[in-house]
Amino acid sequence: MSEASVTWWGHSTMWLADSGTSLLTDPLLTDRLIHLRRMAGPTPVLPGAPDAVLVSHLHADHFHLPSLKAVPGSPLLVVPRGAAAFVAKSLGPGYGNRCVELEPGEETTVGAVTVRAVPAAHDGGRGPWSRLQSVAMGFVVEGAARTWYGGDTGLFDGMSNLGPLDLALIPVGGWGPTLAAHGHLDATDGAEALRRVKAAWAVPVHYGTFWPVGMGRIRTHMFRDPGTEFARRAALTAPDAQVRVLGHGETLTIGPAA
């Protein structure tokens, strides 16, 4: 297998490089989002223009319009089916024209890789203030490696069908002092997800970056600990997998250089 790499920029923002193709997931390129503040890691500094941006669902911490506008170049925007009109209305027709809409089971080609939308157990609406609805999804990227990015998801039937994988990017936390059981994974369920998808490597994401303003001392273990707790539980639940807990801005390379 040729090498592939992932750089974690906090929350669910990752730079995935495979076979000369660069993908950016759910960009959140800001230090403040409504009531949330970046509490760890630098504001992302992208190495250049990605070939495509993968957007998993409509929630504002994943589908952040100012961040989409800040991404350099003119990458494809791979978005949930029905979201292109929202992008065009919010950012202009030039952005809408770059959208590729997918729903689980559909795929597109970006450079040398195939991007396939896969299911996610999560609410796909924009939020309680909006009527905008779509499906939440994850992605399996196939190039030199098979990489699953879960988006936001809980455990779901058929998750085992995603594997076997070379790399799993697994959300294991949240951005506040509580984590709803439905539609999210904690460290324990994240380890079970890893067991199901049979990934050789795993990186925990979606934790330890943003926290509500004024709650800096409330249940901070839910901010600090999910990554290391996931690694501990994965060693028991999925002992054949290798887990790398990345710091913000750190890169994991798998393949010959791993």
C-alpha atoms as a PDB file:
ATOM      1  CA  MET A   1       0.000   0.000   0.000  1.00  0.00           C
ATOM      2  CA  SER A   2       1.256   3.476  -0.852  1.00  0.00           C
ATOM      3  CA  GLU A   3       1.142   5.946   1.998  1.00  0.00           C
ATOM      4  CA  ALA A   4      -1.751   8.150   2.989  1.00  0.00           C
ATOM      5  CA  SER A   5      -1.851  10.764   5.741  1.00  0.00           C
ATOM      6  CA  VAL A   6      -4.289  12.674   7.913  1.00  0.00           C
ATOM      7  CA  THR A   7      -3.669  15.926   9.775  1.00  0.00           C
ATOM      8  CA  TRP A   8      -6.126  16.794  12.543  1.00  0.00           C
ATOM      9  CA  TRP A   9      -6.911  20.492  12.970  1.00  0.00           C
ATOM     10  CA  GLY A  10      -9.363  20.036  15.823  1.00  0.00           C
ATOM     11  CA  HIS A  11     -13.027  19.140  16.078  1.00  0.00           C
ATOM     12  CA  SER A  12     -13.870  17.394  12.772  1.00  0.00           C
ATOM     13  CA  THR A  13     -11.531  19.371  10.536  1.00  0.00           C
ATOM     14  CA  MET A  14      -8.965  17.101   8.903  1.00  0.00           C
ATOM     15  CA  TRP A  15      -6.666  17.263   5.899  1.00  0.00           C
ATOM     16  CA  LEU A  16      -6.613  13.850   4.246  1.00  0.00           C
ATOM     17  CA  ALA A  17      -3.958  13.238   1.590  1.00  0.00           C
ATOM     18  CA  ASP A  18      -4.043  10.097  -0.533  1.00  0.00           C
ATOM     19  CA  SER A  19      -2.581   9.333  -3.978  1.00  0.00           C
ATOM     20  CA  GLY A  20      -1.794  12.977  -4.677  1.00  0.00           C
ATOM     21  CA  THR A  21      -5.355  14.067  -3.830  1.00  0.00           C
ATOM     22  CA  SER A  22      -6.121  16.337  -0.861  1.00  0.00           C
ATOM     23  CA  LEU A  23      -9.459  16.386   0.941  1.00  0.00           C
ATOM     24  CA  LEU A  24     -10.614  18.682   3.753  1.00  0.00           C
ATOM     25  CA  THR A  25     -13.367  17.498   6.098  1.00  0.00           C
ATOM     26  CA  ASP A  26     -15.986  19.687   7.786  1.00  0.00           C
ATOM     27  CA  PRO A  27     -13.829  22.831   7.935  1.00  0.00           C
ATOM     28  CA  LEU A  28     -14.195  24.947  11.069  1.00  0.00           C
ATOM     29  CA  LEU A  29     -11.536  27.585  10.504  1.00  0.00           C
ATOM     30  CA  THR A  30     -12.500  29.969  13.286  1.00  0.00           C
ATOM     31  CA  ASP A  31     -11.836  30.547  16.969  1.00  0.00           C
ATOM     32  CA  ARG A  32     -15.465  31.323  17.845  1.00  0.00           C
ATOM     33  CA  LEU A  33     -18.790  29.770  16.848  1.00  0.00           C
ATOM     34  CA  ILE A  34     -21.897  31.231  18.477  1.00  0.00           C
ATOM     35  CA  HIS A  35     -21.398  30.293  22.170  1.00  0.00           C
ATOM     36  CA  LEU A  36     -18.342  28.111  21.554  1.00  0.00           C
ATOM     37  CA  ARG A  37     -14.704  29.176  21.841  1.00  0.00           C
ATOM     38  CA  ARG A  38     -11.606  27.369  20.625  1.00  0.00           C
ATOM     39  CA  MET A  39      -9.914  26.242  23.815  1.00  0.00           C
ATOM     40  CA  ALA A  40      -7.091  24.126  22.385  1.00  0.00           C
ATOM     41  CA  GLY A  41      -4.910  24.176  19.324  1.00  0.00           C
ATOM     42  CA  PRO A  42      -4.192  26.943  16.818  1.00  0.00           C
ATOM     43  CA  THR A  43      -6.586  28.240  14.223  1.00  0.00           C
ATOM     44  CA  PRO A  44      -6.051  25.868  11.273  1.00  0.00           C
ATOM     45  CA  VAL A  45      -3.467  26.941   8.709  1.00  0.00           C
ATOM     46  CA  LEU A  46      -4.140  24.895   5.594  1.00  0.00           C
ATOM     47  CA  PRO A  47      -1.169  23.838   3.462  1.00  0.00           C
ATOM     48  CA  GLY A  48      -2.906  24.992   0.286  1.00  0.00           C
ATOM     49  CA  ALA A  49      -6.085  24.513  -1.682  1.00  0.00           C
ATOM     50  CA  PRO A  50      -7.688  21.078  -1.278  1.00  0.00           C
ATOM     51  CA  ASP A  51      -9.102  19.234  -4.243  1.00  0.00           C
ATOM     52  CA  ALA A  52     -12.422  18.818  -2.429  1.00  0.00           C
ATOM     53  CA  VAL A  53     -14.171  19.650   0.821  1.00  0.00           C
ATOM     54  CA  LEU A  54     -16.288  16.891   2.372  1.00  0.00           C
ATOM     55  CA  VAL A  55     -19.248  18.151   4.419  1.00  0.00           C
ATOM     56  CA  SER A  56     -20.977  15.475   6.465  1.00  0.00           C
ATOM     57  CA  HIS A  57     -24.167  17.261   7.569  1.00  0.00           C
ATOM     58  CA  LEU A  58     -25.825  20.628   8.035  1.00  0.00           C
ATOM     59  CA  HIS A  59     -25.068  21.422  11.685  1.00  0.00           C
ATOM     60  CA  ALA A  60     -23.169  24.685  11.975  1.00  0.00           C
ATOM     61  CA  ASP A  61     -20.071  23.155  13.614  1.00  0.00           C
ATOM     62  CA  HIS A  62     -19.656  20.959  10.516  1.00  0.00           C
ATOM     63  CA  PHE A  63     -21.299  23.024   7.759  1.00  0.00           C
ATOM     64  CA  HIS A  64     -19.781  26.408   8.693  1.00  0.00           C
ATOM     65  CA  LEU A  65     -20.415  28.860   5.898  1.00  0.00           C
ATOM     66  CA  PRO A  66     -17.678  31.432   6.729  1.00  0.00           C
ATOM     67  CA  SER A  67     -15.133  28.601   6.873  1.00  0.00           C
ATOM     68  CA  LEU A  68     -16.253  27.232   3.510  1.00  0.00           C
ATOM     69  CA  LYS A  69     -15.748  30.708   2.106  1.00  0.00           C
ATOM     70  CA  ALA A  70     -12.277  30.907   3.680  1.00  0.00           C
ATOM     71  CA  VAL A  71     -11.013  27.681   2.110  1.00  0.00           C
ATOM     72  CA  PRO A  72      -8.473  28.661  -0.579  1.00  0.00           C
ATOM     73  CA  GLY A  73      -8.817  27.773  -4.223  1.00  0.00           C
ATOM     74  CA  SER A  74     -11.973  26.499  -5.866  1.00  0.00           C
ATOM     75  CA  PRO A  75     -12.370  22.960  -4.540  1.00  0.00           C
ATOM     76  CA  LEU A  76     -15.338  20.742  -5.150  1.00  0.00           C
ATOM     77  CA  LEU A  77     -17.816  20.849  -2.284  1.00  0.00           C
ATOM     78  CA  VAL A  78     -19.193  17.384  -1.566  1.00  0.00           C
ATOM     79  CA  VAL A  79     -22.378  18.027   0.400  1.00  0.00           C
ATOM     80  CA  PRO A  80     -25.522  16.171   1.475  1.00  0.00           C
ATOM     81  CA  ARG A  81     -28.176  15.913  -1.217  1.00  0.00           C
ATOM     82  CA  GLY A  82     -30.357  19.014  -1.208  1.00  0.00           C
ATOM     83  CA  ALA A  83     -27.724  21.332   0.277  1.00  0.00           C
ATOM     84  CA  ALA A  84     -26.378  22.889  -2.948  1.00  0.00           C
ATOM     85  CA  ALA A  85     -29.198  25.424  -3.176  1.00  0.00           C
ATOM     86  CA  PHE A  86     -28.469  26.497   0.412  1.00  0.00           C
ATOM     87  CA  VAL A  87     -24.797  26.946  -0.447  1.00  0.00           C
ATOM     88  CA  ALA A  88     -25.636  28.970  -3.549  1.00  0.00           C
ATOM     89  CA  LYS A  89     -28.074  31.186  -1.643  1.00  0.00           C
ATOM     90  CA  SER A  90     -25.671  31.733   1.257  1.00  0.00           C
ATOM     91  CA  LEU A  91     -22.331  32.063  -0.542  1.00  0.00           C
ATOM     92  CA  GLY A  92     -23.213  32.783  -4.153  1.00  0.00           C
ATOM     93  CA  PRO A  93     -23.865  30.797  -7.335  1.00  0.00           C
ATOM     94  CA  GLY A  94     -20.158  30.157  -7.907  1.00  0.00           C
ATOM     95  CA  TYR A  95     -20.080  28.050  -4.747  1.00  0.00           C
ATOM     96  CA  GLY A  96     -23.303  26.310  -5.650  1.00  0.00           C
ATOM     97  CA  ASN A  97     -21.893  25.340  -9.030  1.00  0.00           C
ATOM     98  CA  ARG A  98     -18.979  23.605  -7.302  1.00  0.00           C
ATOM     99  CA  CYS A  99     -21.260  21.387  -5.214  1.00  0.00           C
ATOM    100  CA  VAL A 100     -21.532  17.655  -5.721  1.00  0.00           C
ATOM    101  CA  GLU A 101     -24.545  16.332  -3.826  1.00  0.00           C
ATOM    102  CA  LEU A 102     -24.470  12.804  -2.415  1.00  0.00           C
ATOM    103  CA  GLU A 103     -26.541  10.634  -0.153  1.00  0.00           C
ATOM    104  CA  PRO A 104     -25.513   7.331   1.416  1.00  0.00           C
ATOM    105  CA  GLY A 105     -24.761   4.767  -1.252  1.00  0.00           C
ATOM    106  CA  GLU A 106     -23.651   7.322  -3.855  1.00  0.00           C
ATOM    107  CA  GLU A 107     -20.088   8.197  -4.787  1.00  0.00           C
ATOM    108  CA  THR A 108     -17.974  10.596  -6.794  1.00  0.00           C
ATOM    109  CA  THR A 109     -14.395  10.697  -8.025  1.00  0.00           C
ATOM    110  CA  VAL A 110     -11.962  13.371  -6.856  1.00  0.00           C
ATOM    111  CA  GLY A 111      -8.562  13.188  -8.485  1.00  0.00           C
ATOM    112  CA  ALA A 112      -7.167   9.723  -7.835  1.00  0.00           C
ATOM    113  CA  VAL A 113      -9.621   8.739  -5.083  1.00  0.00           C
ATOM    114  CA  THR A 114     -13.243   7.665  -4.858  1.00  0.00           C
ATOM    115  CA  VAL A 115     -15.421   9.334  -2.241  1.00  0.00           C
ATOM    116  CA  ARG A 116     -18.451   7.293  -1.217  1.00  0.00           C
ATOM    117  CA  ALA A 117     -21.171   8.608   1.092  1.00  0.00           C
ATOM    118  CA  VAL A 118     -22.081   6.126   3.826  1.00  0.00           C
ATOM    119  CA  PRO A 119     -24.746   6.124   6.550  1.00  0.00           C
ATOM    120  CA  ALA A 120     -24.527   8.022   9.829  1.00  0.00           C
ATOM    121  CA  ALA A 121     -26.930   7.828  12.768  1.00  0.00           C
ATOM    122  CA  HIS A 122     -27.392  11.543  13.402  1.00  0.00           C
ATOM    123  CA  ASP A 123     -29.958  14.292  12.863  1.00  0.00           C
ATOM    124  CA  GLY A 124     -29.389  15.867   9.458  1.00  0.00           C
ATOM    125  CA  GLY A 125     -31.301  19.136   9.926  1.00  0.00           C
ATOM    126  CA  ARG A 126     -29.664  22.548  10.074  1.00  0.00           C
ATOM    127  CA  GLY A 127     -31.032  23.176  13.563  1.00  0.00           C
ATOM    128  CA  PRO A 128     -34.206  23.956  15.501  1.00  0.00           C
ATOM    129  CA  TRP A 129     -34.294  27.481  14.049  1.00  0.00           C
ATOM    130  CA  SER A 130     -34.245  26.258  10.450  1.00  0.00           C
ATOM    131  CA  ARG A 131     -36.522  24.237   8.174  1.00  0.00           C
ATOM    132  CA  LEU A 132     -33.559  23.067   6.130  1.00  0.00           C
ATOM    133  CA  GLN A 133     -33.332  19.281   6.211  1.00  0.00           C
ATOM    134  CA  SER A 134     -30.997  16.758   4.661  1.00  0.00           C
ATOM    135  CA  VAL A 135     -29.386  13.461   5.541  1.00  0.00           C
ATOM    136  CA  ALA A 136     -26.334  13.143   7.776  1.00  0.00           C
ATOM    137  CA  MET A 137     -23.606  10.920   6.390  1.00  0.00           C
ATOM    138  CA  GLY A 138     -20.010   9.817   6.654  1.00  0.00           C
ATOM    139  CA  PHE A 139     -17.526   9.117   3.897  1.00  0.00           C
ATOM    140  CA  VAL A 140     -15.307   6.243   2.819  1.00  0.00           C
ATOM    141  CA  VAL A 141     -12.370   7.469   0.744  1.00  0.00           C
ATOM    142  CA  GLU A 142     -10.685   4.834  -1.404  1.00  0.00           C
ATOM    143  CA  GLY A 143      -7.279   5.433  -2.924  1.00  0.00           C
ATOM    144  CA  ALA A 144      -4.035   3.939  -1.695  1.00  0.00           C
ATOM    145  CA  ALA A 145      -5.893   3.455   1.606  1.00  0.00           C
ATOM    146  CA  ARG A 146      -9.516   2.884   2.600  1.00  0.00           C
ATOM    147  CA  THR A 147     -10.390   5.639   5.078  1.00  0.00           C
ATOM    148  CA  TRP A 148     -13.684   6.147   6.907  1.00  0.00           C
ATOM    149  CA  TYR A 149     -14.633   9.538   8.286  1.00  0.00           C
ATOM    150  CA  GLY A 150     -17.737   9.127  10.445  1.00  0.00           C
ATOM    151  CA  GLY A 151     -18.988  12.729  10.539  1.00  0.00           C
ATOM    152  CA  ASP A 152     -21.296  12.798  13.553  1.00  0.00           C
ATOM    153  CA  THR A 153     -22.821   9.406  14.253  1.00  0.00           C
ATOM    154  CA  GLY A 154     -23.971   6.940  16.803  1.00  0.00           C
ATOM    155  CA  LEU A 155     -23.656   3.198  16.394  1.00  0.00           C
ATOM    156  CA  PHE A 156     -25.908   1.807  13.657  1.00  0.00           C
ATOM    157  CA  ASP A 157     -26.851  -1.483  12.065  1.00  0.00           C
ATOM    158  CA  GLY A 158     -24.660  -2.182   9.062  1.00  0.00           C
ATOM    159  CA  MET A 159     -21.634  -0.343  10.429  1.00  0.00           C
ATOM    160  CA  SER A 160     -19.639  -3.553  10.027  1.00  0.00           C
ATOM    161  CA  ASN A 161     -20.255  -3.357   6.273  1.00  0.00           C
ATOM    162  CA  LEU A 162     -17.905  -0.359   6.070  1.00  0.00           C
ATOM    163  CA  GLY A 163     -14.842  -2.485   6.770  1.00  0.00           C
ATOM    164  CA  PRO A 164     -12.245  -3.666   6.547  1.00  0.00           C
ATOM    165  CA  LEU A 165     -10.470  -0.318   6.568  1.00  0.00           C
ATOM    166  CA  ASP A 166      -6.933   0.993   6.695  1.00  0.00           C
ATOM    167  CA  LEU A 167      -7.866   4.094   8.712  1.00  0.00           C
ATOM    168  CA  ALA A 168     -10.898   5.161  10.749  1.00  0.00           C
ATOM    169  CA  LEU A 169     -11.429   8.775  11.856  1.00  0.00           C
ATOM    170  CA  ILE A 170     -13.860   8.288  14.722  1.00  0.00           C
ATOM    171  CA  PRO A 171     -15.805  11.020  16.587  1.00  0.00           C
ATOM    172  CA  VAL A 172     -15.534  10.241  20.309  1.00  0.00           C
ATOM    173  CA  GLY A 173     -16.810  13.347  22.096  1.00  0.00           C
ATOM    174  CA  GLY A 174     -18.573  16.670  21.743  1.00  0.00           C
ATOM    175  CA  TRP A 175     -18.304  20.354  22.489  1.00  0.00           C
ATOM    176  CA  GLY A 176     -20.192  20.681  25.760  1.00  0.00           C
ATOM    177  CA  PRO A 177     -20.618  19.211  29.234  1.00  0.00           C
ATOM    178  CA  THR A 178     -23.213  16.680  28.072  1.00  0.00           C
ATOM    179  CA  LEU A 179     -23.246  14.213  25.193  1.00  0.00           C
ATOM    180  CA  ALA A 180     -26.586  12.953  23.947  1.00  0.00           C
ATOM    181  CA  ALA A 181     -26.587   9.182  23.609  1.00  0.00           C
ATOM    182  CA  HIS A 182     -28.453   9.228  20.300  1.00  0.00           C
ATOM    183  CA  GLY A 183     -26.446  10.410  17.346  1.00  0.00           C
ATOM    184  CA  HIS A 184     -23.020  10.576  18.967  1.00  0.00           C
ATOM    185  CA  LEU A 185     -20.236   8.271  20.055  1.00  0.00           C
ATOM    186  CA  ASP A 186     -18.392   8.504  23.341  1.00  0.00           C
ATOM    187  CA  ALA A 187     -15.087   6.752  23.939  1.00  0.00           C
ATOM    188  CA  THR A 188     -16.760   3.425  24.739  1.00  0.00           C
ATOM    189  CA  ASP A 189     -19.045   3.414  21.700  1.00  0.00           C
ATOM    190  CA  GLY A 190     -16.193   4.720  19.563  1.00  0.00           C
ATOM    191  CA  ALA A 191     -14.164   1.659  20.499  1.00  0.00           C
ATOM    192  CA  GLU A 192     -17.101  -0.539  19.566  1.00  0.00           C
ATOM    193  CA  ALA A 193     -17.343   1.279  16.225  1.00  0.00           C
ATOM    194  CA  LEU A 194     -13.663   0.550  15.644  1.00  0.00           C
ATOM    195  CA  ARG A 195     -14.235  -3.128  16.384  1.00  0.00           C
ATOM    196  CA  ARG A 196     -17.087  -3.224  13.882  1.00  0.00           C
ATOM    197  CA  VAL A 197     -15.301  -1.506  10.994  1.00  0.00           C
ATOM    198  CA  LYS A 198     -12.086  -3.520  11.436  1.00  0.00           C
ATOM    199  CA  ALA A 199      -9.671  -0.654  10.823  1.00  0.00           C
ATOM    200  CA  ALA A 200      -5.932  -1.167  11.034  1.00  0.00           C
ATOM    201  CA  TRP A 201      -5.424   2.388  12.301  1.00  0.00           C
ATOM    202  CA  ALA A 202      -7.740   4.788  14.139  1.00  0.00           C
ATOM    203  CA  VAL A 203      -7.628   8.460  15.093  1.00  0.00           C
ATOM    204  CA  PRO A 204     -10.130   9.918  17.612  1.00  0.00           C
ATOM    205  CA  VAL A 205     -11.650  13.262  16.591  1.00  0.00           C
ATOM    206  CA  HIS A 206     -14.541  15.610  17.451  1.00  0.00           C
ATOM    207  CA  TYR A 207     -13.396  16.414  20.991  1.00  0.00           C
ATOM    208  CA  GLY A 208     -11.049  18.701  22.891  1.00  0.00           C
ATOM    209  CA  THR A 209     -11.209  21.815  20.707  1.00  0.00           C
ATOM    210  CA  PHE A 210     -14.318  23.913  21.351  1.00  0.00           C
ATOM    211  CA  TRP A 211     -16.084  24.474  24.666  1.00  0.00           C
ATOM    212  CA  PRO A 212     -18.978  26.749  25.654  1.00  0.00           C
ATOM    213  CA  VAL A 213     -18.015  30.196  26.878  1.00  0.00           C
ATOM    214  CA  GLY A 214     -18.392  30.401  30.652  1.00  0.00           C
ATOM    215  CA  MET A 215     -18.218  26.628  31.179  1.00  0.00           C
ATOM    216  CA  GLY A 216     -14.459  26.278  31.414  1.00  0.00           C
ATOM    217  CA  ARG A 217     -14.668  24.425  34.746  1.00  0.00           C
ATOM    218  CA  ILE A 218     -17.718  22.249  34.106  1.00  0.00           C
ATOM    219  CA  ARG A 219     -17.076  18.561  33.402  1.00  0.00           C
ATOM    220  CA  THR A 220     -13.787  19.363  31.715  1.00  0.00           C
ATOM    221  CA  HIS A 221     -12.921  15.656  31.619  1.00  0.00           C
ATOM    222  CA  MET A 222     -15.381  15.506  28.709  1.00  0.00           C
ATOM    223  CA  PHE A 223     -13.162  18.050  26.950  1.00  0.00           C
ATOM    224  CA  ARG A 224      -9.727  16.620  27.852  1.00  0.00           C
ATOM    225  CA  ASP A 225     -10.083  12.877  28.106  1.00  0.00           C
ATOM    226  CA  PRO A 226     -12.096  11.308  25.250  1.00  0.00           C
ATOM    227  CA  GLY A 227      -9.085  10.676  22.999  1.00  0.00           C
ATOM    228  CA  THR A 228      -6.959   8.870  25.566  1.00  0.00           C
ATOM    229  CA  GLU A 229      -9.992   7.081  26.983  1.00  0.00           C
ATOM    230  CA  PHE A 230     -10.878   5.888  23.474  1.00  0.00           C
ATOM    231  CA  ALA A 231      -7.335   4.561  23.044  1.00  0.00           C
ATOM    232  CA  ARG A 232      -7.583   2.720  26.365  1.00  0.00           C
ATOM    233  CA  ARG A 233     -10.930   1.142  25.549  1.00  0.00           C
ATOM    234  CA  ALA A 234      -9.930   0.326  21.964  1.00  0.00           C
ATOM    235  CA  ALA A 235      -6.976  -1.682  23.267  1.00  0.00           C
ATOM    236  CA  LEU A 236      -9.521  -3.971  24.934  1.00  0.00           C
ATOM    237  CA  THR A 237     -12.343  -3.921  22.389  1.00  0.00           C
ATOM    238  CA  ALA A 238     -10.351  -3.849  19.133  1.00  0.00           C
ATOM    239  CA  PRO A 239      -6.869  -5.066  20.100  1.00  0.00           C
ATOM    240  CA  ASP A 240      -5.739  -5.608  16.516  1.00  0.00           C
ATOM    241  CA  ALA A 241      -6.102  -1.894  15.702  1.00  0.00           C
ATOM    242  CA  GLN A 242      -3.434   0.728  16.276  1.00  0.00           C
ATOM    243  CA  VAL A 243      -4.714   4.006  17.744  1.00  0.00           C
ATOM    244  CA  ARG A 244      -2.924   7.313  17.351  1.00  0.00           C
ATOM    245  CA  VAL A 245      -4.140  10.193  19.523  1.00  0.00           C
ATOM    246  CA  LEU A 246      -3.116  13.279  17.570  1.00  0.00           C
ATOM    247  CA  GLY A 247      -2.537  16.748  18.901  1.00  0.00           C
ATOM    248  CA  HIS A 248      -3.916  19.699  16.994  1.00  0.00           C
ATOM    249  CA  GLY A 249      -1.944  20.109  13.790  1.00  0.00           C
ATOM    250  CA  GLU A 250      -0.270  16.698  14.077  1.00  0.00           C
ATOM    251  CA  THR A 251      -0.158  14.201  11.213  1.00  0.00           C
ATOM    252  CA  LEU A 252      -0.426  10.425  11.024  1.00  0.00           C
ATOM    253  CA  THR A 253       1.022   8.746   7.944  1.00  0.00           C
ATOM    254  CA  ILE A 254       0.105   5.142   7.227  1.00  0.00           C
ATOM    255  CA  GLY A 255       1.766   2.889   4.699  1.00  0.00           C
ATOM    256  CA  PRO A 256       5.515   2.468   4.229  1.00  0.00           C
ATOM    257  CA  ALA A 257       6.283   5.472   6.467  1.00  0.00           C
ATOM    258  CA  ALA A 258       3.851   4.572   9.262  1.00  0.00           C
END
